[in-house]
Every structure is written in C-alpha cells, then in structure tokens.
PDB file of N, CA and C in Angstrom:
ATOM      1  N   MET A   1      45.970 -44.955  18.722  1.00  0.00           N
ATOM      2  CA  MET A   1      45.610 -45.954  17.739  1.00  0.00           C
ATOM      3  C   MET A   1      44.907 -44.963  16.894  1.00  0.00           C
ATOM      4  N   LEU A   2      43.511 -43.710  17.364  1.00  0.00           N
ATOM      5  CA  LEU A   2      41.943 -43.078  17.240  1.00  0.00           C
ATOM      6  C   LEU A   2      43.040 -41.458  16.746  1.00  0.00           C
ATOM      7  N   ASP A   3      44.154 -41.325  17.118  1.00  0.00           N
ATOM      8  CA  ASP A   3      45.074 -39.949  16.843  1.00  0.00           C
ATOM      9  C   ASP A   3      45.743 -40.167  14.541  1.00  0.00           C
ATOM     10  N   SER A   4      45.948 -41.944  14.659  1.00  0.00           N
ATOM     11  CA  SER A   4      46.804 -42.179  13.771  1.00  0.00           C
ATOM     12  C   SER A   4      45.747 -42.014  12.451  1.00  0.00           C
ATOM     13  N   LEU A   5      44.969 -42.620  12.985  1.00  0.00           N
ATOM     14  CA  LEU A   5      43.330 -42.819  11.924  1.00  0.00           C
ATOM     15  C   LEU A   5      42.749 -40.793  12.061  1.00  0.00           C
ATOM     16  N   PHE A   6      42.894 -41.139  12.198  1.00  0.00           N
ATOM     17  CA  PHE A   6      42.534 -39.105  11.950  1.00  0.00           C
ATOM     18  C   PHE A   6      43.348 -39.164  11.180  1.00  0.00           C
ATOM     19  N   ARG A   7      45.171 -38.567  11.600  1.00  0.00           N
ATOM     20  CA  ARG A   7      45.759 -38.753   9.954  1.00  0.00           C
ATOM     21  C   ARG A   7      45.570 -38.601   8.950  1.00  0.00           C
ATOM     22  N   VAL A   8      45.152 -40.050   8.457  1.00  0.00           N
ATOM     23  CA  VAL A   8      44.705 -40.221   7.624  1.00  0.00           C
ATOM     24  C   VAL A   8      44.055 -39.636   6.070  1.00  0.00           C
ATOM     25  N   ASP A   9      45.231 -39.773   5.533  1.00  0.00           N
ATOM     26  CA  ASP A   9      44.947 -38.098   4.544  1.00  0.00           C
ATOM     27  C   ASP A   9      42.827 -39.046   3.032  1.00  0.00           C
ATOM     28  N   ALA A  10      42.414 -39.257   3.585  1.00  0.00           N
ATOM     29  CA  ALA A  10      41.584 -40.774   2.678  1.00  0.00           C
ATOM     30  C   ALA A  10      40.860 -40.133   0.883  1.00  0.00           C
ATOM     31  N   ARG A  11      40.922 -38.588   1.090  1.00  0.00           N
ATOM     32  CA  ARG A  11      40.923 -37.594   0.051  1.00  0.00           C
ATOM     33  C   ARG A  11      41.443 -37.186  -0.823  1.00  0.00           C
ATOM     34  N   ASN A  12      42.802 -37.846  -0.228  1.00  0.00           N
ATOM     35  CA  ASN A  12      44.188 -36.818  -1.159  1.00  0.00           C
ATOM     36  C   ASN A  12      43.946 -38.156  -2.390  1.00  0.00           C
ATOM     37  N   ALA A  13      43.406 -37.957  -3.981  1.00  0.00           N
ATOM     38  CA  ALA A  13      44.052 -38.835  -4.895  1.00  0.00           C
ATOM     39  C   ALA A  13      45.170 -39.901  -5.247  1.00  0.00           C
ATOM     40  N   ASP A  14      46.227 -39.634  -4.168  1.00  0.00           N
ATOM     41  CA  ASP A  14      48.178 -39.182  -4.340  1.00  0.00           C
ATOM     42  C   ASP A  14      48.238 -40.981  -3.196  1.00  0.00           C
ATOM     43  N   SER A  15      47.782 -40.699  -1.455  1.00  0.00           N
ATOM     44  CA  SER A  15      47.766 -41.135  -0.740  1.00  0.00           C
ATOM     45  C   SER A  15      47.554 -42.600  -1.213  1.00  0.00           C
ATOM     46  N   ARG A  16      47.676 -43.320  -0.634  1.00  0.00           N
ATOM     47  CA  ARG A  16      47.358 -44.796  -0.009  1.00  0.00           C
ATOM     48  C   ARG A  16      45.973 -45.482  -0.226  1.00  0.00           C
ATOM     49  N   TYR A  17      45.484 -44.669   0.545  1.00  0.00           N
ATOM     50  CA  TYR A  17      43.822 -44.700   1.304  1.00  0.00           C
ATOM     51  C   TYR A  17      43.096 -44.406  -0.396  1.00  0.00           C
ATOM     52  N   GLY A  18      43.689 -43.488  -1.092  1.00  0.00           N
ATOM     53  CA  GLY A  18      42.983 -42.716  -1.741  1.00  0.00           C
ATOM     54  C   GLY A  18      42.782 -43.602  -3.554  1.00  0.00           C
ATOM     55  N   LYS A  19      44.553 -43.856  -3.171  1.00  0.00           N
ATOM     56  CA  LYS A  19      44.515 -45.145  -4.629  1.00  0.00           C
ATOM     57  C   LYS A  19      43.366 -46.668  -4.737  1.00  0.00           C
ATOM     58  N   ILE A  20      43.457 -46.758  -2.869  1.00  0.00           N
ATOM     59  CA  ILE A  20      42.895 -48.307  -2.744  1.00  0.00           C
ATOM     60  C   ILE A  20      41.183 -48.514  -3.095  1.00  0.00           C
ATOM     61  N   PHE A  21      41.369 -46.870  -2.849  1.00  0.00           N
ATOM     62  CA  PHE A  21      39.795 -46.727  -2.682  1.00  0.00           C
ATOM     63  C   PHE A  21      39.101 -46.129  -4.121  1.00  0.00           C
ATOM     64  N   SER A  22      39.754 -45.366  -4.761  1.00  0.00           N
ATOM     65  CA  SER A  22      39.553 -45.569  -6.286  1.00  0.00           C
ATOM     66  C   SER A  22      39.724 -46.342  -6.547  1.00  0.00           C
ATOM     67  N   ASN A  23      40.607 -47.118  -6.535  1.00  0.00           N
ATOM     68  CA  ASN A  23      40.627 -48.330  -7.589  1.00  0.00           C
ATOM     69  C   ASN A  23      39.338 -49.549  -7.809  1.00  0.00           C
ATOM     70  N   MET A  24      38.732 -49.773  -6.174  1.00  0.00           N
ATOM     71  CA  MET A  24      37.932 -50.219  -5.780  1.00  0.00           C
ATOM     72  C   MET A  24      36.036 -50.279  -6.312  1.00  0.00           C
ATOM     73  N   ALA A  25      35.768 -48.787  -5.649  1.00  0.00           N
ATOM     74  CA  ALA A  25      35.076 -47.946  -6.624  1.00  0.00           C
ATOM     75  C   ALA A  25      34.960 -46.687  -6.638  1.00  0.00           C
ATOM     76  N   GLN A  26      35.454 -46.140  -7.883  1.00  0.00           N
ATOM     77  CA  GLN A  26      35.444 -45.521  -9.070  1.00  0.00           C
ATOM     78  C   GLN A  26      34.832 -44.255  -8.761  1.00  0.00           C
ATOM     79  N   GLU A  27      33.451 -44.869  -9.054  1.00  0.00           N
ATOM     80  CA  GLU A  27      32.705 -44.230  -9.230  1.00  0.00           C
ATOM     81  C   GLU A  27      31.802 -42.751  -7.999  1.00  0.00           C
ATOM     82  N   CYS A  28      32.081 -44.642  -6.668  1.00  0.00           N
ATOM     83  CA  CYS A  28      31.822 -43.899  -5.836  1.00  0.00           C
ATOM     84  C   CYS A  28      33.045 -42.805  -4.623  1.00  0.00           C
ATOM     85  N   TYR A  29      34.436 -42.883  -5.027  1.00  0.00           N
ATOM     86  CA  TYR A  29      35.310 -42.465  -4.590  1.00  0.00           C
ATOM     87  C   TYR A  29      35.135 -40.505  -4.957  1.00  0.00           C
ATOM     88  N   ARG A  30      34.184 -40.489  -6.378  1.00  0.00           N
ATOM     89  CA  ARG A  30      34.414 -39.886  -6.804  1.00  0.00           C
ATOM     90  C   ARG A  30      33.037 -38.135  -6.607  1.00  0.00           C
ATOM     91  N   ILE A  31      31.912 -39.582  -6.383  1.00  0.00           N
ATOM     92  CA  ILE A  31      31.050 -38.499  -5.310  1.00  0.00           C
ATOM     93  C   ILE A  31      31.118 -38.102  -4.273  1.00  0.00           C
ATOM     94  N   LEU A  32      32.283 -38.483  -3.222  1.00  0.00           N
ATOM     95  CA  LEU A  32      32.361 -38.671  -2.322  1.00  0.00           C
ATOM     96  C   LEU A  32      33.279 -37.317  -2.009  1.00  0.00           C
ATOM     97  N   ASN A  33      34.455 -36.820  -3.114  1.00  0.00           N
ATOM     98  CA  ASN A  33      35.332 -36.564  -2.923  1.00  0.00           C
ATOM     99  C   ASN A  33      35.455 -35.455  -4.091  1.00  0.00           C
ATOM    100  N   GLU A  34      34.182 -35.185  -4.982  1.00  0.00           N
ATOM    101  CA  GLU A  34      34.317 -34.172  -5.981  1.00  0.00           C
ATOM    102  C   GLU A  34      32.863 -32.642  -5.171  1.00  0.00           C
ATOM    103  N   ARG A  35      32.977 -31.302  -5.636  1.00  0.00           N
ATOM    104  CA  ARG A  35      32.348 -30.488  -4.837  1.00  0.00           C
ATOM    105  C   ARG A  35      31.145 -30.611  -5.204  1.00  0.00           C
ATOM    106  N   THR A  36      30.640 -31.203  -4.071  1.00  0.00           N
ATOM    107  CA  THR A  36      28.177 -31.293  -4.768  1.00  0.00           C
ATOM    108  C   THR A  36      28.298 -29.537  -5.149  1.00  0.00           C
ATOM    109  N   GLU A  37      26.829 -30.329  -6.016  1.00  0.00           N
ATOM    110  CA  GLU A  37      26.478 -28.857  -7.333  1.00  0.00           C
ATOM    111  C   GLU A  37      25.198 -29.454  -6.046  1.00  0.00           C
ATOM    112  N   CYS A  38      24.407 -29.634  -4.639  1.00  0.00           N
ATOM    113  CA  CYS A  38      23.976 -28.427  -4.014  1.00  0.00           C
ATOM    114  C   CYS A  38      25.036 -28.466  -3.002  1.00  0.00           C
ATOM    115  N   ILE A  39      24.065 -27.079  -2.898  1.00  0.00           N
ATOM    116  CA  ILE A  39      24.815 -25.596  -1.926  1.00  0.00           C
ATOM    117  C   ILE A  39      23.766 -26.367  -0.121  1.00  0.00           C
ATOM    118  N   GLU A  40      23.049 -26.609  -0.412  1.00  0.00           N
ATOM    119  CA  GLU A  40      22.083 -26.191   0.327  1.00  0.00           C
ATOM    120  C   GLU A  40      21.921 -26.740   1.634  1.00  0.00           C
ATOM    121  N   ILE A  41      22.271 -27.279   2.581  1.00  0.00           N
ATOM    122  CA  ILE A  41      22.281 -27.516   4.434  1.00  0.00           C
ATOM    123  C   ILE A  41      21.898 -26.969   5.392  1.00  0.00           C
ATOM    124  N   SER A  42      21.343 -28.630   6.282  1.00  0.00           N
ATOM    125  CA  SER A  42      20.210 -28.428   7.512  1.00  0.00           C
ATOM    126  C   SER A  42      21.025 -27.655   8.394  1.00  0.00           C
ATOM    127  N   SER A  43      20.424 -26.310   9.024  1.00  0.00           N
ATOM    128  CA  SER A  43      21.907 -26.589  10.771  1.00  0.00           C
ATOM    129  C   SER A  43      21.669 -27.253  11.391  1.00  0.00           C
ATOM    130  N   HIS A  44      21.280 -27.715  11.138  1.00  0.00           N
ATOM    131  CA  HIS A  44      21.216 -29.410  12.453  1.00  0.00           C
ATOM    132  C   HIS A  44      22.632 -30.258  11.524  1.00  0.00           C
ATOM    133  N   ILE A  45      23.190 -29.799   9.816  1.00  0.00           N
ATOM    134  CA  ILE A  45      24.165 -30.091   9.980  1.00  0.00           C
ATOM    135  C   ILE A  45      25.522 -29.455  10.165  1.00  0.00           C
ATOM    136  N   LEU A  46      24.896 -28.126   9.587  1.00  0.00           N
ATOM    137  CA  LEU A  46      26.252 -26.834  10.424  1.00  0.00           C
ATOM    138  C   LEU A  46      26.207 -26.849  11.707  1.00  0.00           C
ATOM    139  N   GLU A  47      25.353 -26.993  12.671  1.00  0.00           N
ATOM    140  CA  GLU A  47      25.190 -26.604  14.293  1.00  0.00           C
ATOM    141  C   GLU A  47      26.866 -28.452  14.360  1.00  0.00           C
ATOM    142  N   MET A  48      26.364 -29.404  13.928  1.00  0.00           N
ATOM    143  CA  MET A  48      26.490 -30.393  13.439  1.00  0.00           C
ATOM    144  C   MET A  48      28.991 -29.719  13.496  1.00  0.00           C
ATOM    145  N   PHE A  49      28.529 -29.506  12.037  1.00  0.00           N
ATOM    146  CA  PHE A  49      30.142 -29.114  11.958  1.00  0.00           C
ATOM    147  C   PHE A  49      31.054 -28.045  12.733  1.00  0.00           C
ATOM    148  N   ILE A  50      29.867 -27.140  13.170  1.00  0.00           N
ATOM    149  CA  ILE A  50      30.534 -25.741  13.880  1.00  0.00           C
ATOM    150  C   ILE A  50      31.061 -26.389  15.632  1.00  0.00           C
ATOM    151  N   GLN A  51      30.569 -27.642  15.793  1.00  0.00           N
ATOM    152  CA  GLN A  51      30.161 -28.340  17.226  1.00  0.00           C
ATOM    153  C   GLN A  51      31.710 -28.989  17.135  1.00  0.00           C
ATOM    154  N   ASN A  52      31.478 -29.996  16.083  1.00  0.00           N
ATOM    155  CA  ASN A  52      32.596 -30.793  15.998  1.00  0.00           C
ATOM    156  C   ASN A  52      34.275 -29.647  16.101  1.00  0.00           C
ATOM    157  N   TYR A  53      34.331 -28.759  15.637  1.00  0.00           N
ATOM    158  CA  TYR A  53      35.508 -27.863  14.624  1.00  0.00           C
ATOM    159  C   TYR A  53      35.635 -27.518  16.013  1.00  0.00           C
ATOM    160  N   GLU A  54      34.878 -26.908  17.083  1.00  0.00           N
ATOM    161  CA  GLU A  54      35.556 -25.614  18.630  1.00  0.00           C
ATOM    162  C   GLU A  54      35.435 -27.206  19.429  1.00  0.00           C
ATOM    163  N   ASP A  55      34.588 -28.659  19.889  1.00  0.00           N
ATOM    164  CA  ASP A  55      35.617 -29.500  19.941  1.00  0.00           C
ATOM    165  C   ASP A  55      37.102 -30.090  19.827  1.00  0.00           C
ATOM    166  N   GLY A  56      37.477 -29.574  18.682  1.00  0.00           N
ATOM    167  CA  GLY A  56      39.024 -30.053  18.655  1.00  0.00           C
ATOM    168  C   GLY A  56      38.694 -31.181  17.153  1.00  0.00           C
ATOM    169  N   TYR A  57      37.426 -31.056  17.808  1.00  0.00           N
ATOM    170  CA  TYR A  57      37.688 -33.054  16.448  1.00  0.00           C
ATOM    171  C   TYR A  57      38.483 -32.945  14.451  1.00  0.00           C
ATOM    172  N   ILE A  58      38.727 -31.736  14.434  1.00  0.00           N
ATOM    173  CA  ILE A  58      38.272 -31.622  13.187  1.00  0.00           C
ATOM    174  C   ILE A  58      39.492 -30.043  12.647  1.00  0.00           C
ATOM    175  N   THR A  59      40.397 -29.971  12.442  1.00  0.00           N
ATOM    176  CA  THR A  59      41.058 -28.815  11.938  1.00  0.00           C
ATOM    177  C   THR A  59      40.824 -27.140  10.955  1.00  0.00           C
ATOM    178  N   ASP A  60      42.036 -26.585  11.469  1.00  0.00           N
ATOM    179  CA  ASP A  60      40.638 -25.019  10.155  1.00  0.00           C
ATOM    180  C   ASP A  60      40.714 -26.029   9.225  1.00  0.00           C
ATOM    181  N   ASP A  61      42.109 -26.264   8.705  1.00  0.00           N
ATOM    182  CA  ASP A  61      41.924 -26.415   6.878  1.00  0.00           C
ATOM    183  C   ASP A  61      40.731 -27.135   6.628  1.00  0.00           C
ATOM    184  N   ASP A  62      40.402 -28.513   7.403  1.00  0.00           N
ATOM    185  CA  ASP A  62      39.592 -29.129   7.026  1.00  0.00           C
ATOM    186  C   ASP A  62      38.002 -28.850   7.526  1.00  0.00           C
ATOM    187  N   PHE A  63      37.444 -27.608   8.707  1.00  0.00           N
ATOM    188  CA  PHE A  63      36.615 -27.290   8.582  1.00  0.00           C
ATOM    189  C   PHE A  63      36.119 -26.362   7.244  1.00  0.00           C
ATOM    190  N   ALA A  64      37.686 -25.536   7.307  1.00  0.00           N
ATOM    191  CA  ALA A  64      37.461 -25.057   6.136  1.00  0.00           C
ATOM    192  C   ALA A  64      36.322 -25.326   4.525  1.00  0.00           C
ATOM    193  N   GLU A  65      37.288 -26.781   4.169  1.00  0.00           N
ATOM    194  CA  GLU A  65      37.157 -27.174   3.106  1.00  0.00           C
ATOM    195  C   GLU A  65      35.636 -27.813   3.414  1.00  0.00           C
ATOM    196  N   LEU A  66      35.545 -28.436   4.608  1.00  0.00           N
ATOM    197  CA  LEU A  66      34.210 -29.113   4.501  1.00  0.00           C
ATOM    198  C   LEU A  66      32.780 -27.789   4.092  1.00  0.00           C
ATOM    199  N   LEU A  67      32.901 -27.082   4.696  1.00  0.00           N
ATOM    200  CA  LEU A  67      32.606 -25.127   5.126  1.00  0.00           C
ATOM    201  C   LEU A  67      31.768 -25.132   3.179  1.00  0.00           C
ATOM    202  N   GLY A  68      33.401 -24.899   2.621  1.00  0.00           N
ATOM    203  CA  GLY A  68      32.932 -24.701   1.713  1.00  0.00           C
ATOM    204  C   GLY A  68      32.784 -25.629   0.111  1.00  0.00           C
ATOM    205  N   LEU A  69      32.363 -26.878   0.468  1.00  0.00           N
ATOM    206  CA  LEU A  69      31.630 -27.592  -0.343  1.00  0.00           C
ATOM    207  C   LEU A  69      30.310 -27.077  -0.720  1.00  0.00           C
ATOM    208  N   PHE A  70      29.727 -26.124   0.872  1.00  0.00           N
ATOM    209  CA  PHE A  70      28.274 -25.910   0.308  1.00  0.00           C
ATOM    210  C   PHE A  70      28.480 -24.670   0.251  1.00  0.00           C
ATOM    211  N   GLY A  71      29.004 -23.895  -0.083  1.00  0.00           N
ATOM    212  CA  GLY A  71      29.851 -22.498  -0.352  1.00  0.00           C
ATOM    213  C   GLY A  71      29.831 -21.555   0.526  1.00  0.00           C
ATOM    214  N   LYS A  72      30.415 -22.280   1.775  1.00  0.00           N
ATOM    215  CA  LYS A  72      30.474 -21.183   2.825  1.00  0.00           C
ATOM    216  C   LYS A  72      31.727 -20.924   3.232  1.00  0.00           C
ATOM    217  N   ALA A  73      31.606 -19.725   4.028  1.00  0.00           N
ATOM    218  CA  ALA A  73      33.297 -19.684   4.853  1.00  0.00           C
ATOM    219  C   ALA A  73      33.609 -19.637   6.287  1.00  0.00           C
ATOM    220  N   PRO A  74      34.438 -20.104   7.368  1.00  0.00           N
ATOM    221  CA  PRO A  74      33.985 -20.228   8.675  1.00  0.00           C
ATOM    222  C   PRO A  74      33.789 -19.170   8.642  1.00  0.00           C
ATOM    223  N   GLU A  75      34.483 -17.015   8.108  1.00  0.00           N
ATOM    224  CA  GLU A  75      34.002 -15.777   8.210  1.00  0.00           C
ATOM    225  C   GLU A  75      32.502 -15.595   8.705  1.00  0.00           C
ATOM    226  N   ASP A  76      31.348 -16.342   7.827  1.00  0.00           N
ATOM    227  CA  ASP A  76      30.947 -16.864   7.797  1.00  0.00           C
ATOM    228  C   ASP A  76      30.102 -17.148   9.044  1.00  0.00           C
ATOM    229  N   PHE A  77      30.461 -17.325   9.684  1.00  0.00           N
ATOM    230  CA  PHE A  77      29.890 -17.955  11.232  1.00  0.00           C
ATOM    231  C   PHE A  77      31.264 -17.274  12.141  1.00  0.00           C
ATOM    232  N   GLY A  78      31.268 -16.130  12.116  1.00  0.00           N
ATOM    233  CA  GLY A  78      31.764 -15.735  13.155  1.00  0.00           C
ATOM    234  C   GLY A  78      32.621 -16.025  13.165  1.00  0.00           C
ATOM    235  N   PHE A  79      33.997 -17.261  12.918  1.00  0.00           N
ATOM    236  CA  PHE A  79      35.752 -17.356  12.794  1.00  0.00           C
ATOM    237  C   PHE A  79      36.883 -17.100  12.112  1.00  0.00           C
ATOM    238  N   GLU A  80      37.866 -16.626  12.778  1.00  0.00           N
ATOM    239  CA  GLU A  80      38.635 -15.986  11.546  1.00  0.00           C
ATOM    240  C   GLU A  80      38.944 -16.950  12.286  1.00  0.00           C
ATOM    241  N   LEU A  81      40.104 -18.240  11.342  1.00  0.00           N
ATOM    242  CA  LEU A  81      41.239 -19.058  11.608  1.00  0.00           C
ATOM    243  C   LEU A  81      42.490 -18.022  10.801  1.00  0.00           C
ATOM    244  N   CYS A  82      42.978 -17.992  11.735  1.00  0.00           N
ATOM    245  CA  CYS A  82      44.714 -17.963  11.731  1.00  0.00           C
ATOM    246  C   CYS A  82      45.995 -18.505  11.946  1.00  0.00           C
ATOM    247  N   VAL A  83      46.886 -18.213  10.848  1.00  0.00           N
ATOM    248  CA  VAL A  83      47.814 -19.004  11.214  1.00  0.00           C
ATOM    249  C   VAL A  83      48.275 -19.322  12.404  1.00  0.00           C
ATOM    250  N   SER A  84      48.988 -20.553  12.585  1.00  0.00           N
ATOM    251  CA  SER A  84      50.140 -20.636  14.104  1.00  0.00           C
ATOM    252  C   SER A  84      51.211 -20.107  14.124  1.00  0.00           C
ATOM    253  N   ALA A  85      52.057 -19.362  14.727  1.00  0.00           N
ATOM    254  CA  ALA A  85      52.610 -18.771  15.300  1.00  0.00           C
ATOM    255  C   ALA A  85      54.173 -20.587  14.198  1.00  0.00           C
ATOM    256  N   GLU A  86      54.259 -21.047  14.585  1.00  0.00           N
ATOM    257  CA  GLU A  86      55.205 -22.015  14.481  1.00  0.00           C
ATOM    258  C   GLU A  86      54.965 -22.359  12.340  1.00  0.00           C
ATOM    259  N   ASP A  87      53.427 -21.903  11.980  1.00  0.00           N
ATOM    260  CA  ASP A  87      53.165 -22.701  10.426  1.00  0.00           C
ATOM    261  C   ASP A  87      53.798 -20.551  10.394  1.00  0.00           C
ATOM    262  N   MET A  88      53.140 -19.467  10.863  1.00  0.00           N
ATOM    263  CA  MET A  88      54.317 -18.313  10.175  1.00  0.00           C
ATOM    264  C   MET A  88      55.637 -18.323   9.959  1.00  0.00           C
ATOM    265  N   GLN A  89      56.349 -19.374  11.384  1.00  0.00           N
ATOM    266  CA  GLN A  89      57.940 -18.896  10.764  1.00  0.00           C
ATOM    267  C   GLN A  89      58.231 -19.452  10.447  1.00  0.00           C
ATOM    268  N   GLU A  90      57.265 -20.740   9.232  1.00  0.00           N
ATOM    269  CA  GLU A  90      57.698 -21.532   8.449  1.00  0.00           C
ATOM    270  C   GLU A  90      57.413 -20.812   7.080  1.00  0.00           C
ATOM    271  N   LEU A  91      56.522 -20.074   6.613  1.00  0.00           N
ATOM    272  CA  LEU A  91      55.924 -19.797   5.662  1.00  0.00           C
ATOM    273  C   LEU A  91      56.964 -18.273   5.612  1.00  0.00           C
ATOM    274  N   GLN A  92      57.875 -17.574   6.627  1.00  0.00           N
ATOM    275  CA  GLN A  92      58.029 -16.463   6.126  1.00  0.00           C
ATOM    276  C   GLN A  92      59.539 -17.119   6.298  1.00  0.00           C
ATOM    277  N   GLY A  93      60.932 -18.181   6.303  1.00  0.00           N
ATOM    278  CA  GLY A  93      61.523 -18.791   6.304  1.00  0.00           C
ATOM    279  C   GLY A  93      61.900 -19.298   4.513  1.00  0.00           C
ATOM    280  N   LEU A  94      60.151 -19.903   4.302  1.00  0.00           N
ATOM    281  CA  LEU A  94      60.160 -19.842   2.482  1.00  0.00           C
ATOM    282  C   LEU A  94      59.974 -18.732   1.770  1.00  0.00           C
ATOM    283  N   PHE A  95      59.452 -17.723   2.236  1.00  0.00           N
ATOM    284  CA  PHE A  95      59.538 -16.357   1.503  1.00  0.00           C
ATOM    285  C   PHE A  95      60.973 -15.565   2.060  1.00  0.00           C
ATOM    286  N   GLU A  96      61.636 -15.794   2.705  1.00  0.00           N
ATOM    287  CA  GLU A  96      62.504 -15.609   2.822  1.00  0.00           C
ATOM    288  C   GLU A  96      64.010 -15.911   1.547  1.00  0.00           C
ATOM    289  N   GLY A  97      63.390 -17.476   1.925  1.00  0.00           N
ATOM    290  CA  GLY A  97      64.209 -18.252   1.463  1.00  0.00           C
ATOM    291  C   GLY A  97      64.501 -17.330  -0.090  1.00  0.00           C
ATOM    292  N   GLY A  98      63.380 -17.407  -1.094  1.00  0.00           N
ATOM    293  CA  GLY A  98      63.002 -17.381  -2.572  1.00  0.00           C
ATOM    294  C   GLY A  98      63.031 -16.121  -2.716  1.00  0.00           C
ATOM    295  N   ASP A  99      63.250 -15.268  -1.726  1.00  0.00           N
ATOM    296  CA  ASP A  99      63.364 -13.727  -2.290  1.00  0.00           C
ATOM    297  C   ASP A  99      65.143 -13.833  -1.980  1.00  0.00           C
ATOM    298  N   ALA A 100      66.156 -14.913  -1.655  1.00  0.00           N
ATOM    299  CA  ALA A 100      67.627 -14.990  -1.987  1.00  0.00           C
ATOM    300  C   ALA A 100      67.948 -15.399  -3.154  1.00  0.00           C
ATOM    301  N   ALA A 101      67.232 -16.065  -2.748  1.00  0.00           N
ATOM    302  CA  ALA A 101      67.134 -17.005  -3.964  1.00  0.00           C
ATOM    303  C   ALA A 101      66.886 -15.695  -6.203  1.00  0.00           C
ATOM    304  N   GLU A 102      65.988 -15.224  -6.239  1.00  0.00           N
ATOM    305  CA  GLU A 102      65.842 -14.516  -7.055  1.00  0.00           C
ATOM    306  C   GLU A 102      67.371 -12.880  -7.450  1.00  0.00           C
ATOM    307  N   GLY A 103      66.883 -13.010  -6.145  1.00  0.00           N
ATOM    308  CA  GLY A 103      67.567 -11.863  -5.664  1.00  0.00           C
ATOM    309  C   GLY A 103      69.438 -11.883  -5.892  1.00  0.00           C
TER     310      GLY A 103
END
C-alpha cells in the first residue's frame, strides 16, 4: 500500500489528486507547487534530502527536482544521475523511430 502512495503524482496539476487539491485550496496548491524565491536552505534539510535519496525513498528525478527548487543540482553534491539501461533502450527506440519518420 505504501508503494502505491509513493507512486501518486500529487504535484501534477493534471492528475486526479492535483485537480482535487487545486480546487479545494488553490492558493495552498500554488504555494506548494511553485518554485520558491528563497534559494537558501539549511544544511540539515539538505542532509535529509541526500539521505532520503541514498536510502531510495526518492527517485533520481524527484531528487533533482527537489534540489532544483533551491538552485542546486545533484552534481553539486557529487552525484551523477545515470539513465538506466531500460530507459536508454526506450530513448534509442524513440530516436530511431523519429529518424525513420523523417527520412
């Protein structure tokens, strides 16, 4: 059950939960989902983000997006985010399909 909750994309405005939240509390939704003007973050909070990423609680994309809210990137902390072999095959298939359609 916990896995299914983690898969919910509540920040996507087009998702079921995003629509419900934005309709119930539009101002709260806007505040929680817009990039913050505050680019300072405590080292304790950064350590929590990194620890959660290392423990596998958040994905590469979520980690990069979360750090991006504060003008940071995974590379700033020595992380190199790699594309998985499965994703690479999917991307290659898309590019190969695009080349065939153009030519």
